[in-house]
Structures are given as C-alpha cells and as structure tokens.
Amino acid sequence: MLAVPSLVCAYLGAQAGFAPVPNALPYALKTFVSGTGMGVLFKEALPAWTGLETLHTVVARPEVSARDLLARLPTREGLTLTLHQTLFLGLNVLALLGIGRLVTRVWRPHVVEVPACAS
C-alpha cells in the first residue's frame, strides 16, 4: 500500500534534486506529467539526439509553463509536438514489450523430455 506513494515521492525527489531551477517541485511535477510515463532515454535523450521536439522537451524548459504548452496544442506546432511525443512513446512501449518478452523467455521453465523406455 505504501509502495506507490513511496515510488512517486522518490521519483519526484530525484527529479527535483537534479532540476536546474529554483522552484524544483512544480518543475518535477510538470515534467513527470508531460513525459507520459516514459523513461529518461525516450523522453529526453532520444529527442535530444534526433533533434525532434516533443511536448515534454518543450514543457521541460523552465521558462515554459503548462499553460503555455496548452496554448500551443491547437496549432500546427502543437500537432507536430504531439506526433513526436507519440513516436517516442511508441518506441518506449515496443522496447518494454521486447524486454518483457525476453524476461519471460529466459525465466520460462524448460521442459526436459525423457524418451520413453521400450521394454
């Protein structure tokens, strides 16, 4: 029962601890929500490496508020940001499915077939 609040507080504490802003907790909350549950690789690293802006990379900037992002959503820029976010979310889901499949394959009990003895 305490695991979920503990994980949420630990995540927000770590996020706020690394945030380069004076008001770290609101920053941590808005980047958590805008990251749509993705890991750092998919919500920050891949967009930076590819140069594709997402909803998260825009709202993660300290000068951009959630209200600013909401104002951009009905525009062409908002559509592009949403499509890029969806792309990285899809890649994240595929990676997690692949990892899950690998784990289940490795941990699946192997049945050793013993040949029947004919006497």
PDB file of N, CA and C in Angstrom:
ATOM      1  N   MET A   1       0.816  -1.181   0.000  1.00  0.00           N
ATOM      2  CA  MET A   1       0.000   0.000   0.000  1.00  0.00           C
ATOM      3  C   MET A   1       0.872   1.262   0.000  1.00  0.00           C
ATOM      4  N   LEU A   2       2.003   1.181   0.636  1.00  0.00           N
ATOM      5  CA  LEU A   2       2.898   2.332   0.701  1.00  0.00           C
ATOM      6  C   LEU A   2       3.895   2.385  -0.451  1.00  0.00           C
ATOM      7  N   ALA A   3       3.946   1.331  -1.262  1.00  0.00           N
ATOM      8  CA  ALA A   3       4.938   1.275  -2.337  1.00  0.00           C
ATOM      9  C   ALA A   3       4.720   2.359  -3.386  1.00  0.00           C
ATOM     10  N   VAL A   4       3.485   2.562  -3.805  1.00  0.00           N
ATOM     11  CA  VAL A   4       3.213   3.543  -4.864  1.00  0.00           C
ATOM     12  C   VAL A   4       3.538   4.964  -4.414  1.00  0.00           C
ATOM     13  N   PRO A   5       3.039   5.418  -3.260  1.00  0.00           N
ATOM     14  CA  PRO A   5       3.421   6.774  -2.829  1.00  0.00           C
ATOM     15  C   PRO A   5       4.929   6.906  -2.621  1.00  0.00           C
ATOM     16  N   SER A   6       5.549   5.838  -2.160  1.00  0.00           N
ATOM     17  CA  SER A   6       6.995   5.872  -1.949  1.00  0.00           C
ATOM     18  C   SER A   6       7.737   6.051  -3.270  1.00  0.00           C
ATOM     19  N   LEU A   7       7.323   5.286  -4.291  1.00  0.00           N
ATOM     20  CA  LEU A   7       7.962   5.415  -5.606  1.00  0.00           C
ATOM     21  C   LEU A   7       7.715   6.792  -6.216  1.00  0.00           C
ATOM     22  N   VAL A   8       6.504   7.300  -6.079  1.00  0.00           N
ATOM     23  CA  VAL A   8       6.192   8.629  -6.626  1.00  0.00           C
ATOM     24  C   VAL A   8       7.044   9.696  -5.943  1.00  0.00           C
ATOM     25  N   CYS A   9       7.114   9.643  -4.624  1.00  0.00           N
ATOM     26  CA  CYS A   9       7.914  10.636  -3.894  1.00  0.00           C
ATOM     27  C   CYS A   9       9.400  10.500  -4.216  1.00  0.00           C
ATOM     28  N   ALA A  10       9.871   9.277  -4.368  1.00  0.00           N
ATOM     29  CA  ALA A  10      11.279   9.067  -4.707  1.00  0.00           C
ATOM     30  C   ALA A  10      11.582   9.613  -6.099  1.00  0.00           C
ATOM     31  N   TYR A  11      10.680   9.351  -7.057  1.00  0.00           N
ATOM     32  CA  TYR A  11      10.883   9.859  -8.410  1.00  0.00           C
ATOM     33  C   TYR A  11      10.887  11.377  -8.420  1.00  0.00           C
ATOM     34  N   LEU A  12       9.873  11.979  -7.799  1.00  0.00           N
ATOM     35  CA  LEU A  12       9.790  13.442  -7.790  1.00  0.00           C
ATOM     36  C   LEU A  12      10.956  14.057  -7.032  1.00  0.00           C
ATOM     37  N   GLY A  13      11.403  13.390  -5.968  1.00  0.00           N
ATOM     38  CA  GLY A  13      12.564  13.887  -5.225  1.00  0.00           C
ATOM     39  C   GLY A  13      13.820  13.847  -6.065  1.00  0.00           C
ATOM     40  N   ALA A  14      14.007  12.766  -6.805  1.00  0.00           N
ATOM     41  CA  ALA A  14      15.182  12.662  -7.670  1.00  0.00           C
ATOM     42  C   ALA A  14      15.095  13.663  -8.805  1.00  0.00           C
ATOM     43  N   GLN A  15      13.915  13.788  -9.403  1.00  0.00           N
ATOM     44  CA  GLN A  15      13.719  14.741 -10.500  1.00  0.00           C
ATOM     45  C   GLN A  15      13.950  16.159 -10.013  1.00  0.00           C
ATOM     46  N   ALA A  16      13.398  16.491  -8.854  1.00  0.00           N
ATOM     47  CA  ALA A  16      13.544  17.843  -8.313  1.00  0.00           C
ATOM     48  C   ALA A  16      14.987  18.095  -7.876  1.00  0.00           C
ATOM     49  N   GLY A  17      15.664  17.065  -7.419  1.00  0.00           N
ATOM     50  CA  GLY A  17      17.051  17.218  -6.980  1.00  0.00           C
ATOM     51  C   GLY A  17      17.989  17.563  -8.116  1.00  0.00           C
ATOM     52  N   PHE A  18      17.681  17.107  -9.330  1.00  0.00           N
ATOM     53  CA  PHE A  18      18.531  17.366 -10.485  1.00  0.00           C
ATOM     54  C   PHE A  18      18.057  18.546 -11.315  1.00  0.00           C
ATOM     55  N   ALA A  19      16.908  19.106 -10.963  1.00  0.00           N
ATOM     56  CA  ALA A  19      16.353  20.201 -11.750  1.00  0.00           C
ATOM     57  C   ALA A  19      17.163  21.478 -11.535  1.00  0.00           C
ATOM     58  N   PRO A  20      17.552  22.133 -12.631  1.00  0.00           N
ATOM     59  CA  PRO A  20      18.347  23.363 -12.511  1.00  0.00           C
ATOM     60  C   PRO A  20      17.485  24.609 -12.338  1.00  0.00           C
ATOM     61  N   VAL A  21      16.430  24.504 -11.541  1.00  0.00           N
ATOM     62  CA  VAL A  21      15.521  25.630 -11.364  1.00  0.00           C
ATOM     63  C   VAL A  21      15.313  25.875  -9.873  1.00  0.00           C
ATOM     64  N   PRO A  22      15.008  27.121  -9.503  1.00  0.00           N
ATOM     65  CA  PRO A  22      14.805  27.413  -8.081  1.00  0.00           C
ATOM     66  C   PRO A  22      13.530  26.791  -7.518  1.00  0.00           C
ATOM     67  N   ASN A  23      12.487  26.662  -8.309  1.00  0.00           N
ATOM     68  CA  ASN A  23      11.218  26.107  -7.859  1.00  0.00           C
ATOM     69  C   ASN A  23      11.100  24.681  -8.394  1.00  0.00           C
ATOM     70  N   ALA A  24      11.805  23.748  -7.779  1.00  0.00           N
ATOM     71  CA  ALA A  24      12.017  22.427  -8.359  1.00  0.00           C
ATOM     72  C   ALA A  24      10.797  21.510  -8.320  1.00  0.00           C
ATOM     73  N   LEU A  25       9.970  21.556  -7.290  1.00  0.00           N
ATOM     74  CA  LEU A  25       8.854  20.620  -7.211  1.00  0.00           C
ATOM     75  C   LEU A  25       7.817  20.843  -8.314  1.00  0.00           C
ATOM     76  N   PRO A  26       7.359  22.064  -8.588  1.00  0.00           N
ATOM     77  CA  PRO A  26       6.443  22.243  -9.725  1.00  0.00           C
ATOM     78  C   PRO A  26       7.084  21.822 -11.049  1.00  0.00           C
ATOM     79  N   TYR A  27       8.386  22.083 -11.194  1.00  0.00           N
ATOM     80  CA  TYR A  27       9.096  21.651 -12.395  1.00  0.00           C
ATOM     81  C   TYR A  27       9.061  20.131 -12.511  1.00  0.00           C
ATOM     82  N   ALA A  28       9.311  19.429 -11.404  1.00  0.00           N
ATOM     83  CA  ALA A  28       9.302  17.968 -11.411  1.00  0.00           C
ATOM     84  C   ALA A  28       7.912  17.433 -11.748  1.00  0.00           C
ATOM     85  N   LEU A  29       6.882  18.051 -11.201  1.00  0.00           N
ATOM     86  CA  LEU A  29       5.520  17.605 -11.487  1.00  0.00           C
ATOM     87  C   LEU A  29       5.152  17.799 -12.954  1.00  0.00           C
ATOM     88  N   LYS A  30       5.479  18.963 -13.513  1.00  0.00           N
ATOM     89  CA  LYS A  30       5.090  19.204 -14.910  1.00  0.00           C
ATOM     90  C   LYS A  30       5.886  18.323 -15.863  1.00  0.00           C
ATOM     91  N   THR A  31       7.146  18.022 -15.577  1.00  0.00           N
ATOM     92  CA  THR A  31       7.902  17.145 -16.471  1.00  0.00           C
ATOM     93  C   THR A  31       7.485  15.690 -16.313  1.00  0.00           C
ATOM     94  N   PHE A  32       7.026  15.298 -15.123  1.00  0.00           N
ATOM     95  CA  PHE A  32       6.520  13.942 -14.926  1.00  0.00           C
ATOM     96  C   PHE A  32       5.257  13.735 -15.745  1.00  0.00           C
ATOM     97  N   VAL A  33       4.347  14.691 -15.680  1.00  0.00           N
ATOM     98  CA  VAL A  33       3.093  14.583 -16.422  1.00  0.00           C
ATOM     99  C   VAL A  33       3.357  14.652 -17.925  1.00  0.00           C
ATOM    100  N   SER A  34       4.200  15.568 -18.351  1.00  0.00           N
ATOM    101  CA  SER A  34       4.449  15.726 -19.785  1.00  0.00           C
ATOM    102  C   SER A  34       5.267  14.583 -20.375  1.00  0.00           C
ATOM    103  N   GLY A  35       5.959  13.827 -19.535  1.00  0.00           N
ATOM    104  CA  GLY A  35       6.752  12.703 -20.027  1.00  0.00           C
ATOM    105  C   GLY A  35       5.941  11.465 -20.311  1.00  0.00           C
ATOM    106  N   THR A  36       4.640  11.497 -20.038  1.00  0.00           N
ATOM    107  CA  THR A  36       3.710  10.389 -20.276  1.00  0.00           C
ATOM    108  C   THR A  36       4.235   9.043 -19.772  1.00  0.00           C
ATOM    109  N   GLY A  37       4.955   9.063 -18.670  1.00  0.00           N
ATOM    110  CA  GLY A  37       5.416   7.823 -18.066  1.00  0.00           C
ATOM    111  C   GLY A  37       6.629   7.195 -18.714  1.00  0.00           C
ATOM    112  N   MET A  38       7.226   7.874 -19.663  1.00  0.00           N
ATOM    113  CA  MET A  38       8.386   7.310 -20.355  1.00  0.00           C
ATOM    114  C   MET A  38       9.635   7.426 -19.499  1.00  0.00           C
ATOM    115  N   GLY A  39      10.587   6.561 -19.792  1.00  0.00           N
ATOM    116  CA  GLY A  39      11.885   6.646 -19.150  1.00  0.00           C
ATOM    117  C   GLY A  39      12.690   7.804 -19.733  1.00  0.00           C
ATOM    118  N   VAL A  40      13.762   8.156 -19.081  1.00  0.00           N
ATOM    119  CA  VAL A  40      14.576   9.300 -19.485  1.00  0.00           C
ATOM    120  C   VAL A  40      15.151   9.118 -20.891  1.00  0.00           C
ATOM    121  N   LEU A  41      15.505   7.884 -21.246  1.00  0.00           N
ATOM    122  CA  LEU A  41      16.051   7.634 -22.585  1.00  0.00           C
ATOM    123  C   LEU A  41      15.081   8.075 -23.663  1.00  0.00           C
ATOM    124  N   PHE A  42      13.791   7.765 -23.489  1.00  0.00           N
ATOM    125  CA  PHE A  42      12.799   8.043 -24.526  1.00  0.00           C
ATOM    126  C   PHE A  42      12.192   9.438 -24.430  1.00  0.00           C
ATOM    127  N   LYS A  43      12.147  10.024 -23.231  1.00  0.00           N
ATOM    128  CA  LYS A  43      11.526  11.342 -23.142  1.00  0.00           C
ATOM    129  C   LYS A  43      12.527  12.484 -23.256  1.00  0.00           C
ATOM    130  N   GLU A  44      13.824  12.209 -23.040  1.00  0.00           N
ATOM    131  CA  GLU A  44      14.807  13.292 -23.103  1.00  0.00           C
ATOM    132  C   GLU A  44      15.977  12.995 -24.041  1.00  0.00           C
ATOM    133  N   ALA A  45      16.610  11.830 -23.882  1.00  0.00           N
ATOM    134  CA  ALA A  45      17.831  11.548 -24.636  1.00  0.00           C
ATOM    135  C   ALA A  45      17.567  11.389 -26.137  1.00  0.00           C
ATOM    136  N   LEU A  46      16.632  10.519 -26.520  1.00  0.00           N
ATOM    137  CA  LEU A  46      16.367  10.315 -27.949  1.00  0.00           C
ATOM    138  C   LEU A  46      15.861  11.580 -28.645  1.00  0.00           C
ATOM    139  N   PRO A  47      14.936  12.336 -28.040  1.00  0.00           N
ATOM    140  CA  PRO A  47      14.561  13.590 -28.705  1.00  0.00           C
ATOM    141  C   PRO A  47      15.746  14.556 -28.868  1.00  0.00           C
ATOM    142  N   ALA A  48      16.629  14.608 -27.884  1.00  0.00           N
ATOM    143  CA  ALA A  48      17.805  15.489 -28.000  1.00  0.00           C
ATOM    144  C   ALA A  48      18.734  14.994 -29.099  1.00  0.00           C
ATOM    145  N   TRP A  49      18.966  13.690 -29.167  1.00  0.00           N
ATOM    146  CA  TRP A  49      19.870  13.135 -30.180  1.00  0.00           C
ATOM    147  C   TRP A  49      19.309  13.287 -31.589  1.00  0.00           C
ATOM    148  N   THR A  50      17.982  13.139 -31.719  1.00  0.00           N
ATOM    149  CA  THR A  50      17.378  13.236 -33.048  1.00  0.00           C
ATOM    150  C   THR A  50      17.017  14.668 -33.426  1.00  0.00           C
ATOM    151  N   GLY A  51      16.953  15.552 -32.437  1.00  0.00           N
ATOM    152  CA  GLY A  51      16.579  16.938 -32.716  1.00  0.00           C
ATOM    153  C   GLY A  51      15.084  17.140 -32.884  1.00  0.00           C
ATOM    154  N   LEU A  52      14.282  16.141 -32.497  1.00  0.00           N
ATOM    155  CA  LEU A  52      12.833  16.251 -32.603  1.00  0.00           C
ATOM    156  C   LEU A  52      12.259  16.766 -31.286  1.00  0.00           C
ATOM    157  N   GLU A  53      11.585  17.898 -31.348  1.00  0.00           N
ATOM    158  CA  GLU A  53      10.948  18.464 -30.157  1.00  0.00           C
ATOM    159  C   GLU A  53       9.679  17.672 -29.852  1.00  0.00           C
ATOM    160  N   THR A  54       9.406  17.465 -28.580  1.00  0.00           N
ATOM    161  CA  THR A  54       8.190  16.801 -28.131  1.00  0.00           C
ATOM    162  C   THR A  54       7.472  17.703 -27.135  1.00  0.00           C
ATOM    163  N   LEU A  55       6.282  17.285 -26.725  1.00  0.00           N
ATOM    164  CA  LEU A  55       5.579  18.038 -25.690  1.00  0.00           C
ATOM    165  C   LEU A  55       6.439  18.140 -24.439  1.00  0.00           C
ATOM    166  N   HIS A  56       7.109  17.042 -24.105  1.00  0.00           N
ATOM    167  CA  HIS A  56       7.936  17.024 -22.903  1.00  0.00           C
ATOM    168  C   HIS A  56       9.139  17.952 -23.018  1.00  0.00           C
ATOM    169  N   THR A  57       9.844  17.921 -24.144  1.00  0.00           N
ATOM    170  CA  THR A  57      11.049  18.746 -24.256  1.00  0.00           C
ATOM    171  C   THR A  57      10.707  20.235 -24.226  1.00  0.00           C
ATOM    172  N   VAL A  58       9.521  20.586 -24.698  1.00  0.00           N
ATOM    173  CA  VAL A  58       9.112  21.998 -24.665  1.00  0.00           C
ATOM    174  C   VAL A  58       8.723  22.397 -23.245  1.00  0.00           C
ATOM    175  N   VAL A  59       7.894  21.585 -22.582  1.00  0.00           N
ATOM    176  CA  VAL A  59       7.424  21.956 -21.251  1.00  0.00           C
ATOM    177  C   VAL A  59       8.521  21.783 -20.191  1.00  0.00           C
ATOM    178  N   ALA A  60       9.561  21.019 -20.498  1.00  0.00           N
ATOM    179  CA  ALA A  60      10.665  20.838 -19.543  1.00  0.00           C
ATOM    180  C   ALA A  60      11.519  22.094 -19.412  1.00  0.00           C
ATOM    181  N   ARG A  61      11.410  22.988 -20.364  1.00  0.00           N
ATOM    182  CA  ARG A  61      12.150  24.250 -20.255  1.00  0.00           C
ATOM    183  C   ARG A  61      11.577  25.066 -19.106  1.00  0.00           C
ATOM    184  N   PRO A  62      12.435  25.601 -18.255  1.00  0.00           N
ATOM    185  CA  PRO A  62      11.932  26.345 -17.083  1.00  0.00           C
ATOM    186  C   PRO A  62      11.061  27.547 -17.438  1.00  0.00           C
ATOM    187  N   GLU A  63      11.288  28.168 -18.584  1.00  0.00           N
ATOM    188  CA  GLU A  63      10.517  29.366 -18.935  1.00  0.00           C
ATOM    189  C   GLU A  63       9.159  29.039 -19.555  1.00  0.00           C
ATOM    190  N   VAL A  64       8.898  27.766 -19.853  1.00  0.00           N
ATOM    191  CA  VAL A  64       7.633  27.370 -20.465  1.00  0.00           C
ATOM    192  C   VAL A  64       6.737  26.750 -19.395  1.00  0.00           C
ATOM    193  N   SER A  65       5.555  27.294 -19.258  1.00  0.00           N
ATOM    194  CA  SER A  65       4.609  26.748 -18.279  1.00  0.00           C
ATOM    195  C   SER A  65       3.682  25.761 -18.978  1.00  0.00           C
ATOM    196  N   ALA A  66       2.956  25.015 -18.186  1.00  0.00           N
ATOM    197  CA  ALA A  66       1.967  24.086 -18.743  1.00  0.00           C
ATOM    198  C   ALA A  66       0.896  24.870 -19.506  1.00  0.00           C
ATOM    199  N   ARG A  67       0.566  26.058 -19.027  1.00  0.00           N
ATOM    200  CA  ARG A  67      -0.429  26.905 -19.707  1.00  0.00           C
ATOM    201  C   ARG A  67       0.083  27.321 -21.091  1.00  0.00           C
ATOM    202  N   ASP A  68       1.379  27.644 -21.199  1.00  0.00           N
ATOM    203  CA  ASP A  68       1.970  27.993 -22.497  1.00  0.00           C
ATOM    204  C   ASP A  68       1.857  26.819 -23.472  1.00  0.00           C
ATOM    205  N   LEU A  69       2.112  25.626 -22.963  1.00  0.00           N
ATOM    206  CA  LEU A  69       2.043  24.439 -23.821  1.00  0.00           C
ATOM    207  C   LEU A  69       0.603  24.190 -24.273  1.00  0.00           C
ATOM    208  N   LEU A  70      -0.347  24.346 -23.378  1.00  0.00           N
ATOM    209  CA  LEU A  70      -1.755  24.151 -23.744  1.00  0.00           C
ATOM    210  C   LEU A  70      -2.183  25.134 -24.833  1.00  0.00           C
ATOM    211  N   ALA A  71      -1.632  26.343 -24.804  1.00  0.00           N
ATOM    212  CA  ALA A  71      -1.957  27.330 -25.840  1.00  0.00           C
ATOM    213  C   ALA A  71      -1.385  26.917 -27.197  1.00  0.00           C
ATOM    214  N   ARG A  72      -0.294  26.152 -27.207  1.00  0.00           N
ATOM    215  CA  ARG A  72       0.321  25.706 -28.464  1.00  0.00           C
ATOM    216  C   ARG A  72      -0.368  24.480 -29.064  1.00  0.00           C
ATOM    217  N   LEU A  73      -1.101  23.723 -28.258  1.00  0.00           N
ATOM    218  CA  LEU A  73      -1.681  22.469 -28.731  1.00  0.00           C
ATOM    219  C   LEU A  73      -2.566  22.601 -29.969  1.00  0.00           C
ATOM    220  N   PRO A  74      -3.477  23.589 -30.056  1.00  0.00           N
ATOM    221  CA  PRO A  74      -4.332  23.651 -31.245  1.00  0.00           C
ATOM    222  C   PRO A  74      -3.624  24.177 -32.500  1.00  0.00           C
ATOM    223  N   THR A  75      -2.350  24.462 -32.432  1.00  0.00           N
ATOM    224  CA  THR A  75      -1.623  24.987 -33.587  1.00  0.00           C
ATOM    225  C   THR A  75      -0.914  23.855 -34.331  1.00  0.00           C
ATOM    226  N   ARG A  76      -0.333  24.189 -35.473  1.00  0.00           N
ATOM    227  CA  ARG A  76       0.443  23.216 -36.252  1.00  0.00           C
ATOM    228  C   ARG A  76       1.646  22.728 -35.434  1.00  0.00           C
ATOM    229  N   GLU A  77       2.270  23.628 -34.673  1.00  0.00           N
ATOM    230  CA  GLU A  77       3.389  23.249 -33.815  1.00  0.00           C
ATOM    231  C   GLU A  77       2.939  22.233 -32.759  1.00  0.00           C
ATOM    232  N   GLY A  78       1.755  22.445 -32.193  1.00  0.00           N
ATOM    233  CA  GLY A  78       1.216  21.522 -31.198  1.00  0.00           C
ATOM    234  C   GLY A  78       0.985  20.142 -31.769  1.00  0.00           C
ATOM    235  N   LEU A  79       0.490  20.076 -33.010  1.00  0.00           N
ATOM    236  CA  LEU A  79       0.285  18.788 -33.668  1.00  0.00           C
ATOM    237  C   LEU A  79       1.615  18.077 -33.882  1.00  0.00           C
ATOM    238  N   THR A  80       2.622  18.820 -34.328  1.00  0.00           N
ATOM    239  CA  THR A  80       3.950  18.240 -34.545  1.00  0.00           C
ATOM    240  C   THR A  80       4.538  17.733 -33.231  1.00  0.00           C
ATOM    241  N   LEU A  81       4.429  18.519 -32.172  1.00  0.00           N
ATOM    242  CA  LEU A  81       4.936  18.094 -30.862  1.00  0.00           C
ATOM    243  C   LEU A  81       4.226  16.827 -30.386  1.00  0.00           C
ATOM    244  N   THR A  82       2.914  16.775 -30.596  1.00  0.00           N
ATOM    245  CA  THR A  82       2.138  15.609 -30.181  1.00  0.00           C
ATOM    246  C   THR A  82       2.539  14.372 -30.978  1.00  0.00           C
ATOM    247  N   LEU A  83       2.726  14.515 -32.282  1.00  0.00           N
ATOM    248  CA  LEU A  83       3.143  13.378 -33.109  1.00  0.00           C
ATOM    249  C   LEU A  83       4.528  12.874 -32.711  1.00  0.00           C
ATOM    250  N   HIS A  84       5.445  13.777 -32.431  1.00  0.00           N
ATOM    251  CA  HIS A  84       6.776  13.363 -31.985  1.00  0.00           C
ATOM    252  C   HIS A  84       6.706  12.651 -30.636  1.00  0.00           C
ATOM    253  N   GLN A  85       5.875  13.186 -29.726  1.00  0.00           N
ATOM    254  CA  GLN A  85       5.700  12.547 -28.420  1.00  0.00           C
ATOM    255  C   GLN A  85       5.143  11.136 -28.601  1.00  0.00           C
ATOM    256  N   THR A  86       4.174  10.983 -29.492  1.00  0.00           N
ATOM    257  CA  THR A  86       3.578   9.671 -29.761  1.00  0.00           C
ATOM    258  C   THR A  86       4.607   8.711 -30.338  1.00  0.00           C
ATOM    259  N   LEU A  87       5.471   9.198 -31.208  1.00  0.00           N
ATOM    260  CA  LEU A  87       6.535   8.368 -31.781  1.00  0.00           C
ATOM    261  C   LEU A  87       7.436   7.805 -30.685  1.00  0.00           C
ATOM    262  N   PHE A  88       7.904   8.668 -29.802  1.00  0.00           N
ATOM    263  CA  PHE A  88       8.808   8.212 -28.739  1.00  0.00           C
ATOM    264  C   PHE A  88       8.083   7.337 -27.714  1.00  0.00           C
ATOM    265  N   LEU A  89       6.809   7.623 -27.459  1.00  0.00           N
ATOM    266  CA  LEU A  89       6.033   6.767 -26.566  1.00  0.00           C
ATOM    267  C   LEU A  89       5.879   5.375 -27.186  1.00  0.00           C
ATOM    268  N   GLY A  90       5.620   5.328 -28.490  1.00  0.00           N
ATOM    269  CA  GLY A  90       5.530   4.038 -29.183  1.00  0.00           C
ATOM    270  C   GLY A  90       6.835   3.265 -29.118  1.00  0.00           C
ATOM    271  N   LEU A  91       7.958   3.949 -29.326  1.00  0.00           N
ATOM    272  CA  LEU A  91       9.264   3.287 -29.216  1.00  0.00           C
ATOM    273  C   LEU A  91       9.504   2.771 -27.809  1.00  0.00           C
ATOM    274  N   ASN A  92       9.085   3.543 -26.806  1.00  0.00           N
ATOM    275  CA  ASN A  92       9.235   3.125 -25.413  1.00  0.00           C
ATOM    276  C   ASN A  92       8.407   1.872 -25.135  1.00  0.00           C
ATOM    277  N   VAL A  93       7.174   1.857 -25.619  1.00  0.00           N
ATOM    278  CA  VAL A  93       6.305   0.688 -25.422  1.00  0.00           C
ATOM    279  C   VAL A  93       6.892  -0.534 -26.118  1.00  0.00           C
ATOM    280  N   LEU A  94       7.380  -0.377 -27.340  1.00  0.00           N
ATOM    281  CA  LEU A  94       7.997  -1.506 -28.050  1.00  0.00           C
ATOM    282  C   LEU A  94       9.222  -2.039 -27.310  1.00  0.00           C
ATOM    283  N   ALA A  95      10.031  -1.147 -26.779  1.00  0.00           N
ATOM    284  CA  ALA A  95      11.210  -1.577 -26.019  1.00  0.00           C
ATOM    285  C   ALA A  95      10.798  -2.340 -24.766  1.00  0.00           C
ATOM    286  N   LEU A  96       9.786  -1.835 -24.058  1.00  0.00           N
ATOM    287  CA  LEU A  96       9.323  -2.524 -22.859  1.00  0.00           C
ATOM    288  C   LEU A  96       8.716  -3.884 -23.184  1.00  0.00           C
ATOM    289  N   LEU A  97       7.973  -3.968 -24.288  1.00  0.00           N
ATOM    290  CA  LEU A  97       7.423  -5.258 -24.704  1.00  0.00           C
ATOM    291  C   LEU A  97       8.544  -6.241 -25.057  1.00  0.00           C
ATOM    292  N   GLY A  98       9.575  -5.752 -25.732  1.00  0.00           N
ATOM    293  CA  GLY A  98      10.713  -6.609 -26.065  1.00  0.00           C
ATOM    294  C   GLY A  98      11.440  -7.114 -24.829  1.00  0.00           C
ATOM    295  N   ILE A  99      11.623  -6.228 -23.863  1.00  0.00           N
ATOM    296  CA  ILE A  99      12.279  -6.626 -22.608  1.00  0.00           C
ATOM    297  C   ILE A  99      11.404  -7.640 -21.865  1.00  0.00           C
ATOM    298  N   GLY A 100      10.108  -7.389 -21.833  1.00  0.00           N
ATOM    299  CA  GLY A 100       9.192  -8.323 -21.179  1.00  0.00           C
ATOM    300  C   GLY A 100       9.204  -9.686 -21.831  1.00  0.00           C
ATOM    301  N   ARG A 101       9.235  -9.702 -23.142  1.00  0.00           N
ATOM    302  CA  ARG A 101       9.291 -10.983 -23.876  1.00  0.00           C
ATOM    303  C   ARG A 101      10.593 -11.721 -23.586  1.00  0.00           C
ATOM    304  N   LEU A 102      11.688 -10.988 -23.555  1.00  0.00           N
ATOM    305  CA  LEU A 102      12.984 -11.597 -23.259  1.00  0.00           C
ATOM    306  C   LEU A 102      13.012 -12.180 -21.846  1.00  0.00           C
ATOM    307  N   VAL A 103      12.491 -11.432 -20.890  1.00  0.00           N
ATOM    308  CA  VAL A 103      12.472 -11.911 -19.498  1.00  0.00           C
ATOM    309  C   VAL A 103      11.611 -13.164 -19.370  1.00  0.00           C
ATOM    310  N   THR A 104      10.443 -13.157 -20.004  1.00  0.00           N
ATOM    311  CA  THR A 104       9.592 -14.347 -19.906  1.00  0.00           C
ATOM    312  C   THR A 104      10.221 -15.546 -20.602  1.00  0.00           C
ATOM    313  N   ARG A 105      10.936 -15.320 -21.675  1.00  0.00           N
ATOM    314  CA  ARG A 105      11.598 -16.426 -22.382  1.00  0.00           C
ATOM    315  C   ARG A 105      12.730 -17.005 -21.530  1.00  0.00           C
ATOM    316  N   VAL A 106      13.499 -16.133 -20.884  1.00  0.00           N
ATOM    317  CA  VAL A 106      14.624 -16.593 -20.067  1.00  0.00           C
ATOM    318  C   VAL A 106      14.123 -17.304 -18.811  1.00  0.00           C
ATOM    319  N   TRP A 107      13.070 -16.811 -18.192  1.00  0.00           N
ATOM    320  CA  TRP A 107      12.595 -17.374 -16.932  1.00  0.00           C
ATOM    321  C   TRP A 107      11.562 -18.480 -17.099  1.00  0.00           C
ATOM    322  N   ARG A 108      11.148 -18.756 -18.328  1.00  0.00           N
ATOM    323  CA  ARG A 108      10.175 -19.820 -18.557  1.00  0.00           C
ATOM    324  C   ARG A 108      10.826 -21.157 -18.215  1.00  0.00           C
ATOM    325  N   PRO A 109      10.134 -21.984 -17.468  1.00  0.00           N
ATOM    326  CA  PRO A 109      10.727 -23.287 -17.152  1.00  0.00           C
ATOM    327  C   PRO A 109      10.852 -24.140 -18.417  1.00  0.00           C
ATOM    328  N   HIS A 110      12.003 -24.722 -18.567  1.00  0.00           N
ATOM    329  CA  HIS A 110      12.251 -25.573 -19.725  1.00  0.00           C
ATOM    330  C   HIS A 110      11.859 -27.005 -19.385  1.00  0.00           C
ATOM    331  N   VAL A 111      11.085 -27.601 -20.242  1.00  0.00           N
ATOM    332  CA  VAL A 111      10.646 -28.980 -20.037  1.00  0.00           C
ATOM    333  C   VAL A 111      11.672 -29.900 -20.677  1.00  0.00           C
ATOM    334  N   VAL A 112      12.210 -30.787 -19.879  1.00  0.00           N
ATOM    335  CA  VAL A 112      13.165 -31.757 -20.389  1.00  0.00           C
ATOM    336  C   VAL A 112      12.402 -33.031 -20.705  1.00  0.00           C
ATOM    337  N   GLU A 113      12.405 -33.368 -21.977  1.00  0.00           N
ATOM    338  CA  GLU A 113      11.679 -34.573 -22.378  1.00  0.00           C
ATOM    339  C   GLU A 113      12.598 -35.778 -22.260  1.00  0.00           C
ATOM    340  N   VAL A 114      12.084 -36.773 -21.583  1.00  0.00           N
ATOM    341  CA  VAL A 114      12.830 -38.012 -21.408  1.00  0.00           C
ATOM    342  C   VAL A 114      12.217 -39.031 -22.363  1.00  0.00           C
ATOM    343  N   PRO A 115      13.051 -39.630 -23.199  1.00  0.00           N
ATOM    344  CA  PRO A 115      12.489 -40.618 -24.115  1.00  0.00           C
ATOM    345  C   PRO A 115      11.897 -41.801 -23.356  1.00  0.00           C
ATOM    346  N   ALA A 116      10.788 -42.280 -23.866  1.00  0.00           N
ATOM    347  CA  ALA A 116      10.136 -43.414 -23.236  1.00  0.00           C
ATOM    348  C   ALA A 116      10.993 -44.662 -23.415  1.00  0.00           C
ATOM    349  N   CYS A 117      11.016 -45.424 -22.410  1.00  0.00           N
ATOM    350  CA  CYS A 117      11.816 -46.648 -22.443  1.00  0.00           C
ATOM    351  C   CYS A 117      10.939 -47.783 -22.957  1.00  0.00           C
ATOM    352  N   ALA A 118      11.354 -48.368 -24.035  1.00  0.00           N
ATOM    353  CA  ALA A 118      10.579 -49.515 -24.597  1.00  0.00           C
ATOM    354  C   ALA A 118      11.182 -50.804 -24.079  1.00  0.00           C
ATOM    355  N   SER A 119      10.409 -51.590 -23.373  1.00  0.00           N
ATOM    356  CA  SER A 119      10.952 -52.851 -22.891  1.00  0.00           C
ATOM    357  C   SER A 119      10.122 -54.039 -23.337  1.00  0.00           C
TER     358      SER A 119
END
